[in-house]
């Protein structure tokens, strides 16, 4: 390991684990309400709209037609490893696509990995990088049977659609440094031989670290060490200066990969230097990627975003505001106003697929019942086992305005430290426009290498 002053484990635990939505710093305030009064319980019971079973996808998705006029619909999840959240978001997404003209699905995943899905569902050549997508921890977050069903549906839908109405599938995240550099170099090698040598030279600084930028972060604290910031920015300048016409998708893909490299380098530099919140840098990157997608797809484009509640809920309504943190949800509220709709998801108990530490094998873990006084406990007591709460109702906004504990499980779940590791405070109607509560939930089913019946060009094959 280069540098030697920061352990790789410390960087991954403190950086990537937090960015993957396990937030140990979101400690539950002791002043949080421990119970709720009858008026609150009655209001939630009155407004709780029972949801059809997930097996009835058409009926389930139709419950969200109220958001059909939005420019962006953000769909959250309170855990990364819950089957019902994927199935519910899939039903909503299919409805918005098939009946309301949405053409962008943007998810909390790496850009080059998602490009494999996009190529498959639109019948295009498979990208060269990465050779095997969705292999970075946590593999089960996107490489699961629930996503496989949506991907297959998108392919069938696109086969019947005109090119302009085909749905694209895109990754918003910034961790794919090596694969993104490879994609940029491959594009330039095929389009501008003279520029290719310059791009390779600029990327050599960061490419020396391979897939593990923890070593790069460790080097950043060494005296007189020169970062790769200017080098990776130079590649983005080269691509931007080429000024390709709108609709040139290979160039747009290369440009976005170059932005990922700039964002990734900046994320690790922020982890070490502390000059800017690495959380904010990551979420601003994801938001800016969303804006670029909407611009590239034209003025009539509409997008569905899938990410954790901690990303899609308005940060200003949570304890994140006290730490100066923002997220995609807050940025969308500021930019799009009421044409952005934020939908949160939660559960009370069941099982989840999660790990006990960063990089460890996933386990099916029992999700403990919600803490007393939390949103989960309130919803368990107030409504049916599946319901939608439209938080725009004035009387509901009033009684739910006070901040309450809300659970957030990322790719790690530590039930032995449930209260400290997985709860934060939020004012629900300020955080979301609507909330989906599914009382008891189960784990996602990973797609493994032994999974059969997949065509060779399938992104999970």
Protein backbone atom coordinates (compact mmCIF):
# COMPACT_ATOMS: atom_id res chain seq x y z
CA UNK A 1 0.00 0.00 0.00
CA UNK A 2 1.29 3.45 -0.91
CA UNK A 3 1.53 6.15 1.72
CA UNK A 4 0.92 3.90 4.69
CA UNK A 5 -0.80 6.44 6.91
CA UNK A 6 -4.42 5.59 6.16
CA UNK A 7 -5.62 2.03 6.07
CA UNK A 8 -7.68 0.90 3.12
CA UNK A 9 -10.28 -0.45 5.56
CA UNK A 10 -10.63 2.93 7.27
CA UNK A 11 -11.11 4.71 3.96
CA UNK A 12 -13.69 2.26 2.72
CA UNK A 13 -15.57 2.16 5.99
CA UNK A 14 -15.56 5.90 6.47
CA UNK A 15 -16.08 6.82 2.83
CA UNK A 16 -17.82 4.29 0.68
CA UNK A 17 -19.91 2.77 3.44
CA UNK A 18 -21.27 6.18 4.35
CA UNK A 19 -21.86 6.97 0.70
CA UNK A 20 -23.74 3.69 0.32
CA UNK A 21 -26.30 5.07 2.77
CA UNK A 22 -25.21 3.49 6.05
CA UNK A 23 -24.74 6.70 8.00
CA UNK A 24 -23.30 6.10 11.50
CA UNK A 25 -23.20 9.87 11.97
CA UNK A 26 -26.99 10.15 11.70
CA UNK A 27 -27.42 9.56 15.44
CA UNK A 28 -30.96 9.69 16.78
CA UNK A 29 -31.51 12.73 18.97
CA UNK A 30 -32.65 11.92 22.49
CA UNK A 31 -35.42 14.54 22.21
CA UNK A 32 -37.27 12.52 19.57
CA UNK A 33 -40.91 11.79 20.47
CA UNK A 34 -41.36 8.32 21.96
CA UNK A 35 -45.10 8.05 21.25
CA UNK A 36 -47.86 9.71 19.27
CA UNK A 37 -51.28 11.09 20.15
CA UNK A 38 -54.67 9.91 18.93
CA UNK A 39 -55.09 12.79 16.45
CA UNK A 40 -51.90 11.80 14.66
CA UNK A 41 -52.86 8.14 14.57
CA UNK A 42 -56.34 8.98 13.28
CA UNK A 43 -55.00 11.33 10.59
CA UNK A 44 -52.60 8.72 9.26
CA UNK A 45 -55.30 6.03 9.34
CA UNK A 46 -57.70 8.35 7.48
CA UNK A 47 -55.21 9.23 4.74
CA UNK A 48 -53.61 5.79 4.33
CA UNK A 49 -54.63 4.57 0.86
CA UNK A 50 -54.50 0.75 0.72
CA UNK A 51 -52.22 -0.49 -2.05
CA UNK A 52 -53.02 -3.49 -4.27
CA UNK A 53 -50.76 -6.52 -3.88
CA UNK A 54 -47.48 -6.26 -5.77
CA UNK A 55 -48.52 -9.20 -7.92
CA UNK A 56 -51.11 -6.87 -9.50
CA UNK A 57 -48.52 -4.58 -11.08
CA UNK A 58 -50.97 -2.63 -13.23
CA UNK A 59 -53.22 -1.72 -10.32
CA UNK A 60 -50.26 -0.97 -8.05
CA UNK A 61 -48.62 1.30 -10.60
CA UNK A 62 -51.89 3.12 -11.35
CA UNK A 63 -51.93 4.43 -7.77
CA UNK A 64 -49.10 6.74 -8.80
CA UNK A 65 -50.77 8.30 -11.85
CA UNK A 66 -51.10 11.40 -9.67
CA UNK A 67 -47.42 12.09 -10.46
CA UNK A 68 -47.73 11.62 -14.23
CA UNK A 69 -47.22 15.33 -14.98
CA UNK A 70 -43.91 15.52 -13.14
CA UNK A 71 -40.62 16.10 -14.95
CA UNK A 72 -38.78 13.89 -12.47
CA UNK A 73 -40.17 11.23 -10.13
CA UNK A 74 -37.67 10.10 -7.49
CA UNK A 75 -38.35 6.68 -5.93
CA UNK A 76 -36.51 5.85 -2.74
CA UNK A 77 -35.95 2.83 -0.49
CA UNK A 78 -35.13 2.52 3.18
CA UNK A 79 -32.80 -0.43 2.50
CA UNK A 80 -30.76 -1.53 -0.51
CA UNK A 81 -31.61 -5.22 -0.13
CA UNK A 82 -35.43 -5.45 0.08
CA UNK A 83 -37.31 -7.29 -2.66
CA UNK A 84 -40.60 -5.43 -2.24
CA UNK A 85 -38.99 -2.03 -2.76
CA UNK A 86 -37.55 -3.12 -6.12
CA UNK A 87 -40.85 -4.69 -7.16
CA UNK A 88 -42.86 -1.64 -6.12
CA UNK A 89 -40.54 0.78 -7.92
CA UNK A 90 -40.60 -1.47 -10.96
CA UNK A 91 -44.41 -1.41 -11.09
CA UNK A 92 -44.46 2.39 -10.74
CA UNK A 93 -41.72 2.82 -13.34
CA UNK A 94 -43.47 0.59 -15.87
CA UNK A 95 -46.66 2.59 -15.43
CA UNK A 96 -44.91 5.93 -15.89
CA UNK A 97 -43.18 4.62 -19.01
CA UNK A 98 -46.07 2.82 -20.65
CA UNK A 99 -48.82 5.34 -19.88
CA UNK A 100 -47.13 8.68 -19.27
CA UNK A 101 -44.15 8.93 -21.62
CA UNK A 102 -41.18 8.69 -19.25
CA UNK A 103 -38.04 7.75 -21.20
CA UNK A 104 -35.22 7.87 -18.61
CA UNK A 105 -34.53 5.43 -15.78
CA UNK A 106 -31.58 6.77 -13.76
CA UNK A 107 -30.32 4.74 -10.81
CA UNK A 108 -27.79 4.86 -7.98
CA UNK A 109 -25.31 2.75 -9.96
CA UNK A 110 -22.09 3.26 -11.90
CA UNK A 111 -22.38 4.81 -15.37
CA UNK A 112 -20.37 2.15 -17.30
CA UNK A 113 -22.24 -0.73 -15.61
CA UNK A 114 -25.63 0.79 -16.40
CA UNK A 115 -24.48 1.30 -20.00
CA UNK A 116 -24.53 -2.49 -20.39
CA UNK A 117 -28.21 -2.52 -19.43
CA UNK A 118 -28.91 0.40 -21.77
CA UNK A 119 -27.22 -1.38 -24.67
CA UNK A 120 -29.17 -4.57 -24.01
CA UNK A 121 -32.61 -2.98 -23.76
CA UNK A 122 -32.03 -0.80 -26.83
CA UNK A 123 -30.43 -3.49 -28.99
CA UNK A 124 -27.02 -1.82 -29.27
CA UNK A 125 -23.45 -3.06 -29.15
CA UNK A 126 -22.29 -4.00 -25.68
CA UNK A 127 -19.73 -1.57 -24.15
CA UNK A 128 -16.13 -2.72 -23.83
CA UNK A 129 -15.80 -1.58 -20.22
CA UNK A 130 -16.19 -3.01 -17.74
CA UNK A 131 -15.89 -6.50 -19.17
CA UNK A 132 -18.26 -7.85 -16.48
CA UNK A 133 -20.63 -5.18 -15.10
CA UNK A 134 -22.16 -5.04 -11.62
CA UNK A 135 -19.29 -6.94 -9.99
CA UNK A 136 -18.23 -4.19 -7.58
CA UNK A 137 -19.46 -4.61 -4.00
CA UNK A 138 -22.40 -4.68 -3.36
CA UNK A 139 -23.16 -6.90 -6.35
CA UNK A 140 -26.69 -7.73 -5.18
CA UNK A 141 -27.81 -4.09 -5.22
CA UNK A 142 -28.54 -4.18 -8.97
CA UNK A 143 -27.64 -7.71 -10.03
CA UNK A 144 -30.77 -9.32 -8.64
CA UNK A 145 -33.81 -11.17 -9.96
CA UNK A 146 -36.13 -8.25 -9.28
CA UNK A 147 -34.04 -6.00 -11.52
CA UNK A 148 -33.67 -8.77 -14.07
CA UNK A 149 -37.45 -8.79 -14.54
CA UNK A 150 -37.52 -5.01 -15.10
CA UNK A 151 -34.60 -5.16 -17.54
CA UNK A 152 -36.37 -7.84 -19.56
CA UNK A 153 -39.58 -5.78 -19.61
CA UNK A 154 -37.68 -2.69 -20.79
CA UNK A 155 -36.20 -4.66 -23.68
CA UNK A 156 -39.64 -5.82 -24.83
CA UNK A 157 -41.05 -2.30 -24.45
CA UNK A 158 -38.24 -0.72 -26.46
CA UNK A 159 -38.62 -3.26 -29.27
CA UNK A 160 -42.11 -1.84 -29.86
CA UNK A 161 -41.20 1.84 -29.46
CA UNK A 162 -39.84 4.37 -31.93
CA UNK A 163 -36.17 5.36 -31.32
CA UNK A 164 -37.15 8.69 -29.76
CA UNK A 165 -39.56 6.97 -27.36
CA UNK A 166 -37.23 4.17 -26.33
CA UNK A 167 -36.33 4.12 -22.65
CA UNK A 168 -32.70 4.57 -21.64
CA UNK A 169 -31.16 3.13 -18.49
CA UNK A 170 -28.37 5.16 -16.86
CA UNK A 171 -26.11 5.16 -13.80
CA UNK A 172 -25.72 8.31 -11.72
CA UNK A 173 -22.83 7.32 -9.46
CA UNK A 174 -19.10 8.07 -9.58
CA UNK A 175 -17.15 5.04 -8.30
CA UNK A 176 -16.26 3.52 -11.69
CA UNK A 177 -12.93 5.28 -12.07
CA UNK A 178 -10.97 2.57 -13.90
CA UNK A 179 -13.85 1.46 -16.15
CA UNK A 180 -14.72 5.06 -17.02
CA UNK A 181 -11.10 5.87 -17.93
CA UNK A 182 -11.00 2.76 -20.12
CA UNK A 183 -14.23 3.79 -21.86
CA UNK A 184 -12.91 7.30 -22.57
CA UNK A 185 -9.60 6.02 -23.93
CA UNK A 186 -11.39 3.49 -26.14
CA UNK A 187 -13.67 6.19 -27.59
CA UNK A 188 -10.83 8.61 -28.30
CA UNK A 189 -8.69 5.85 -29.85
CA UNK A 190 -11.46 5.22 -32.38
CA UNK A 191 -12.28 8.87 -33.12
CA UNK A 192 -9.14 10.97 -32.70
CA UNK A 193 -5.79 9.18 -32.79
CA UNK A 194 -3.88 12.40 -32.13
CA UNK A 195 -5.87 13.16 -28.98
CA UNK A 196 -5.65 9.55 -27.80
CA UNK A 197 -2.00 9.89 -26.77
CA UNK A 198 -2.78 13.03 -24.77
CA UNK A 199 -5.71 11.33 -23.01
CA UNK A 200 -3.61 8.30 -22.09
CA UNK A 201 -0.90 10.59 -20.76
CA UNK A 202 -3.29 12.57 -18.58
CA UNK A 203 -4.96 9.44 -17.23
CA UNK A 204 -1.64 7.73 -16.44
CA UNK A 205 -1.52 9.60 -13.13
CA UNK A 206 -4.70 7.97 -11.81
CA UNK A 207 -4.54 4.75 -13.84
CA UNK A 208 -1.42 3.74 -11.88
CA UNK A 209 -3.69 2.97 -8.92
CA UNK A 210 -5.88 0.50 -10.80
CA UNK A 211 -9.29 -0.11 -9.27
CA UNK A 212 -8.30 0.82 -5.72
CA UNK A 213 -8.30 4.57 -5.13
CA UNK A 214 -7.89 4.01 -1.40
CA UNK A 215 -4.17 3.94 -2.13
CA UNK A 216 -4.51 7.22 -4.02
CA UNK A 217 -6.33 8.75 -1.05
CA UNK A 218 -3.52 7.56 1.22
CA UNK A 219 -0.94 9.24 -1.02
CA UNK A 220 -2.87 12.51 -0.90
CA UNK A 221 -1.84 13.08 2.72
CA UNK A 222 1.86 12.73 1.93
CA UNK A 223 3.80 16.02 1.97
CA UNK A 224 4.41 17.53 -1.49
CA UNK A 225 2.31 14.88 -3.26
CA UNK A 226 0.75 16.24 -6.44
CA UNK A 227 -2.82 15.12 -6.98
CA UNK A 228 -4.27 14.00 -10.32
CA UNK A 229 -6.91 16.73 -10.23
CA UNK A 230 -5.53 18.81 -13.12
CA UNK A 231 -4.72 15.75 -15.23
CA UNK A 232 -8.23 14.29 -15.20
CA UNK A 233 -9.77 17.74 -15.70
CA UNK A 234 -7.64 18.14 -18.85
CA UNK A 235 -9.28 15.07 -20.42
CA UNK A 236 -12.73 16.50 -19.77
CA UNK A 237 -11.60 19.75 -21.41
CA UNK A 238 -10.37 17.85 -24.48
CA UNK A 239 -13.73 16.12 -24.92
CA UNK A 240 -15.76 19.26 -24.20
CA UNK A 241 -13.76 21.25 -26.77
CA UNK A 242 -14.66 18.80 -29.53
CA UNK A 243 -18.18 20.23 -29.60
CA UNK A 244 -20.07 17.27 -31.04
CA UNK A 245 -23.62 17.91 -32.28
CA UNK A 246 -26.61 16.92 -30.12
CA UNK A 247 -27.61 13.29 -30.49
CA UNK A 248 -24.06 11.94 -30.77
CA UNK A 249 -24.52 9.26 -28.10
CA UNK A 250 -20.99 7.77 -28.21
CA UNK A 251 -19.56 11.22 -27.56
CA UNK A 252 -22.08 11.88 -24.79
CA UNK A 253 -21.16 8.56 -23.19
CA UNK A 254 -17.45 9.39 -23.32
CA UNK A 255 -18.09 12.87 -21.95
CA UNK A 256 -20.08 11.47 -19.06
CA UNK A 257 -17.38 8.90 -18.30
CA UNK A 258 -14.83 11.73 -18.23
CA UNK A 259 -17.07 13.57 -15.76
CA UNK A 260 -17.21 10.42 -13.62
CA UNK A 261 -13.41 10.32 -13.46
CA UNK A 262 -13.28 13.99 -12.42
CA UNK A 263 -15.99 13.39 -9.82
CA UNK A 264 -14.39 10.22 -8.49
CA UNK A 265 -10.98 11.83 -8.08
CA UNK A 266 -12.61 14.78 -6.33
CA UNK A 267 -14.58 12.46 -4.04
CA UNK A 268 -11.45 10.76 -2.74
CA UNK A 269 -9.64 14.07 -2.43
CA UNK A 270 -12.55 15.43 -0.39
CA UNK A 271 -12.42 12.35 1.85
CA UNK A 272 -8.86 13.20 2.81
CA UNK A 273 -8.63 16.98 2.50
CA UNK A 274 -12.00 17.72 4.08
CA UNK A 275 -12.36 20.97 2.10
CA UNK A 276 -15.77 19.92 0.82
CA UNK A 277 -18.24 17.30 1.96
CA UNK A 278 -17.65 14.13 -0.04
CA UNK A 279 -21.35 13.34 0.43
CA UNK A 280 -22.29 16.65 -1.22
CA UNK A 281 -19.80 16.13 -4.02
CA UNK A 282 -21.28 12.73 -4.79
CA UNK A 283 -24.92 13.87 -4.72
CA UNK A 284 -24.19 16.95 -6.81
CA UNK A 285 -22.50 14.71 -9.35
CA UNK A 286 -25.58 12.49 -9.48
CA UNK A 287 -27.87 15.51 -9.81
CA UNK A 288 -25.76 17.05 -12.58
CA UNK A 289 -25.75 13.70 -14.40
CA UNK A 290 -29.55 13.72 -14.24
CA UNK A 291 -29.64 17.23 -15.72
CA UNK A 292 -27.29 16.17 -18.52
CA UNK A 293 -29.53 13.19 -19.33
CA UNK A 294 -32.67 15.32 -19.48
CA UNK A 295 -30.93 17.81 -21.77
CA UNK A 296 -29.57 15.07 -24.02
CA UNK A 297 -32.96 13.39 -24.39
CA UNK A 298 -34.71 16.62 -25.38
CA UNK A 299 -37.23 19.07 -23.90
CA UNK A 300 -40.02 16.51 -23.55
CA UNK A 301 -37.89 13.99 -21.62
CA UNK A 302 -39.09 12.82 -18.21
CA UNK A 303 -37.09 10.74 -15.74
CA UNK A 304 -37.60 8.17 -13.00
CA UNK A 305 -34.79 8.09 -10.42
CA UNK A 306 -34.07 5.14 -8.14
CA UNK A 307 -31.89 5.75 -5.07
CA UNK A 308 -31.90 5.38 -1.31
CA UNK A 309 -34.27 7.52 0.77
CA UNK A 310 -31.22 9.36 2.09
CA UNK A 311 -30.55 10.56 -1.46
CA UNK A 312 -34.04 11.22 -2.82
CA UNK A 313 -35.72 12.69 0.28
CA UNK A 314 -35.25 16.43 0.80
CA UNK A 315 -32.12 16.76 2.95
CA UNK A 316 -33.36 20.08 4.34
CA UNK A 317 -36.04 18.16 6.27
CA UNK A 318 -33.55 15.90 8.04
CA UNK A 319 -30.54 16.07 10.34
CA UNK A 320 -28.38 16.32 7.23
CA UNK A 321 -29.13 20.05 7.14
CA UNK A 322 -27.36 20.56 10.49
CA UNK A 323 -24.17 19.14 8.95
CA UNK A 324 -24.43 21.27 5.81
CA UNK A 325 -25.27 18.28 3.61
CA UNK A 326 -27.52 18.24 0.58
CA UNK A 327 -28.78 15.47 -1.72
CA UNK A 328 -30.46 14.79 -5.05
CA UNK A 329 -33.93 15.29 -3.59
CA UNK A 330 -33.20 18.76 -2.23
CA UNK A 331 -31.43 19.80 -5.44
CA UNK A 332 -34.38 18.58 -7.52
CA UNK A 333 -36.82 20.47 -5.29
CA UNK A 334 -34.79 23.65 -5.80
CA UNK A 335 -34.35 23.19 -9.55
CA UNK A 336 -37.67 21.68 -10.67
CA UNK A 337 -40.07 22.88 -7.98
CA UNK A 338 -43.37 21.02 -8.05
CA UNK A 339 -42.43 19.20 -11.26
CA UNK A 340 -40.17 17.00 -9.11
CA UNK A 341 -41.99 14.45 -6.96
CA UNK A 342 -40.18 12.66 -4.14
CA UNK A 343 -41.49 9.28 -2.97
CA UNK A 344 -40.09 7.52 0.09
CA UNK A 345 -40.40 3.84 1.01
CA UNK A 346 -40.31 2.14 4.37
CA UNK A 347 -41.03 -1.07 6.26
CA UNK A 348 -41.49 -2.23 9.83
CA UNK A 349 -39.92 -5.69 9.93
CA UNK A 350 -39.03 -8.78 7.91
CA UNK A 351 -35.72 -9.77 6.32
CA UNK A 352 -33.13 -7.98 4.23
CA UNK A 353 -30.05 -8.94 2.22
CA UNK A 354 -27.13 -6.99 3.67
CA UNK A 355 -23.55 -7.34 4.83
CA UNK A 356 -22.03 -6.93 8.28
CA UNK A 357 -18.97 -5.05 7.04
CA UNK A 358 -17.79 -3.44 3.84
CA UNK A 359 -16.76 -6.05 1.26
CA UNK A 360 -18.15 -9.00 3.22
CA UNK A 361 -20.49 -11.62 1.81
CA UNK A 362 -24.20 -10.73 1.98
CA UNK A 363 -26.43 -12.37 4.55
CA UNK A 364 -30.19 -12.63 4.95
CA UNK A 365 -30.75 -10.70 8.16
CA UNK A 366 -33.88 -10.28 10.26
CA UNK A 367 -35.07 -6.66 10.31
CA UNK A 368 -36.07 -5.69 13.82
CA UNK A 369 -39.49 -4.09 14.42
CA UNK A 370 -39.41 -0.30 14.26
CA UNK A 371 -38.36 1.66 17.34
CA UNK A 372 -41.18 3.17 19.45
CA UNK A 373 -42.03 6.68 18.30
CA UNK A 374 -40.56 6.19 14.84
CA UNK A 375 -42.35 6.59 11.52
CA UNK A 376 -42.26 2.83 11.08
CA UNK A 377 -43.96 2.16 14.41
CA UNK A 378 -46.59 4.81 13.71
CA UNK A 379 -47.42 3.38 10.30
CA UNK A 380 -47.49 -0.18 11.62
CA UNK A 381 -50.12 0.85 14.17
CA UNK A 382 -52.12 3.19 11.94
CA UNK A 383 -52.71 1.63 8.57
CA UNK A 384 -53.19 -1.52 6.52
CA UNK A 385 -50.20 -3.72 5.73
CA UNK A 386 -49.59 -1.88 2.42
CA UNK A 387 -50.51 1.75 1.94
CA UNK A 388 -49.67 5.00 0.18
CA UNK A 389 -49.61 8.25 2.13
CA UNK A 390 -50.00 11.37 -0.03
CA UNK A 391 -48.17 13.87 2.16
CA UNK A 392 -49.45 16.89 0.26
CA UNK A 393 -52.75 16.83 2.20
CA UNK A 394 -52.73 19.99 4.42
CA UNK A 395 -54.06 18.35 7.60
CA UNK A 396 -51.59 15.47 7.22
CA UNK A 397 -48.71 17.88 6.67
CA UNK A 398 -49.67 19.65 9.90
CA UNK A 399 -49.83 16.63 12.20
CA UNK A 400 -46.77 14.90 10.66
CA UNK A 401 -44.59 17.99 10.52
CA UNK A 402 -42.59 17.29 13.71
CA UNK A 403 -39.38 15.37 13.18
CA UNK A 404 -39.51 11.68 14.06
CA UNK A 405 -37.00 8.84 13.94
CA UNK A 406 -36.74 7.20 10.52
CA UNK A 407 -34.77 4.06 9.68
CA UNK A 408 -32.11 3.89 6.98
CA UNK A 409 -30.34 0.62 6.13
CA UNK A 410 -27.74 0.73 3.39
CA UNK A 411 -25.71 -2.22 2.14
CA UNK A 412 -24.67 -2.84 5.75
CA UNK A 413 -27.11 -3.74 8.51
CA UNK A 414 -25.99 -3.82 12.14
CA UNK A 415 -29.05 -4.74 14.23
CA UNK A 416 -26.93 -4.89 17.38
CA UNK A 417 -26.49 -1.10 17.10
CA UNK A 418 -29.89 -0.45 15.51
CA UNK A 419 -30.63 2.86 17.20
CA UNK A 420 -27.27 4.50 16.60
CA UNK A 421 -26.41 3.02 13.22
CA UNK A 422 -29.72 3.13 11.39
CA UNK A 423 -31.97 5.92 12.64
CA UNK A 424 -32.04 9.63 11.91
CA UNK A 425 -34.65 12.35 12.35
CA UNK A 426 -36.85 13.70 9.58
CA UNK A 427 -39.98 15.75 9.03
CA UNK A 428 -41.77 13.38 6.67
CA UNK A 429 -44.03 15.81 4.72
CA UNK A 430 -41.08 18.15 4.13
CA UNK A 431 -38.88 15.23 3.13
CA UNK A 432 -41.24 13.54 0.64
CA UNK A 433 -44.39 14.21 -1.39
CA UNK A 434 -45.61 10.67 -0.71
CA UNK A 435 -44.59 7.64 1.29
CA UNK A 436 -45.10 3.94 0.59
CA UNK A 437 -45.30 1.69 3.64
CA UNK A 438 -44.97 -2.08 3.30
CA UNK A 439 -45.28 -3.55 6.78
CA UNK A 440 -43.37 -6.81 6.30
CA UNK A 441 -40.73 -7.29 3.61
CA UNK A 442 -38.20 -9.86 2.40
CA UNK A 443 -34.72 -9.94 0.81
CA UNK A 444 -33.79 -9.51 -2.84
CA UNK A 445 -32.65 -12.61 -4.75
CA UNK A 446 -29.15 -12.14 -6.23
CA UNK A 447 -28.40 -13.24 -9.78
CA UNK A 448 -25.41 -15.56 -9.48
CA UNK A 449 -22.97 -16.87 -12.08
CA UNK A 450 -24.87 -20.15 -11.90
CA UNK A 451 -28.14 -18.48 -12.94
CA UNK A 452 -29.21 -20.07 -16.21
CA UNK A 453 -31.39 -19.10 -19.15
CA UNK A 454 -29.68 -15.78 -19.79
CA UNK A 455 -28.65 -14.79 -23.33
CA UNK A 456 -24.96 -14.08 -23.81
CA UNK A 457 -25.56 -10.35 -24.30
CA UNK A 458 -27.59 -9.97 -21.09
CA UNK A 459 -25.88 -7.57 -18.64
CA UNK A 460 -26.21 -10.12 -15.81
CA UNK A 461 -24.94 -13.09 -17.86
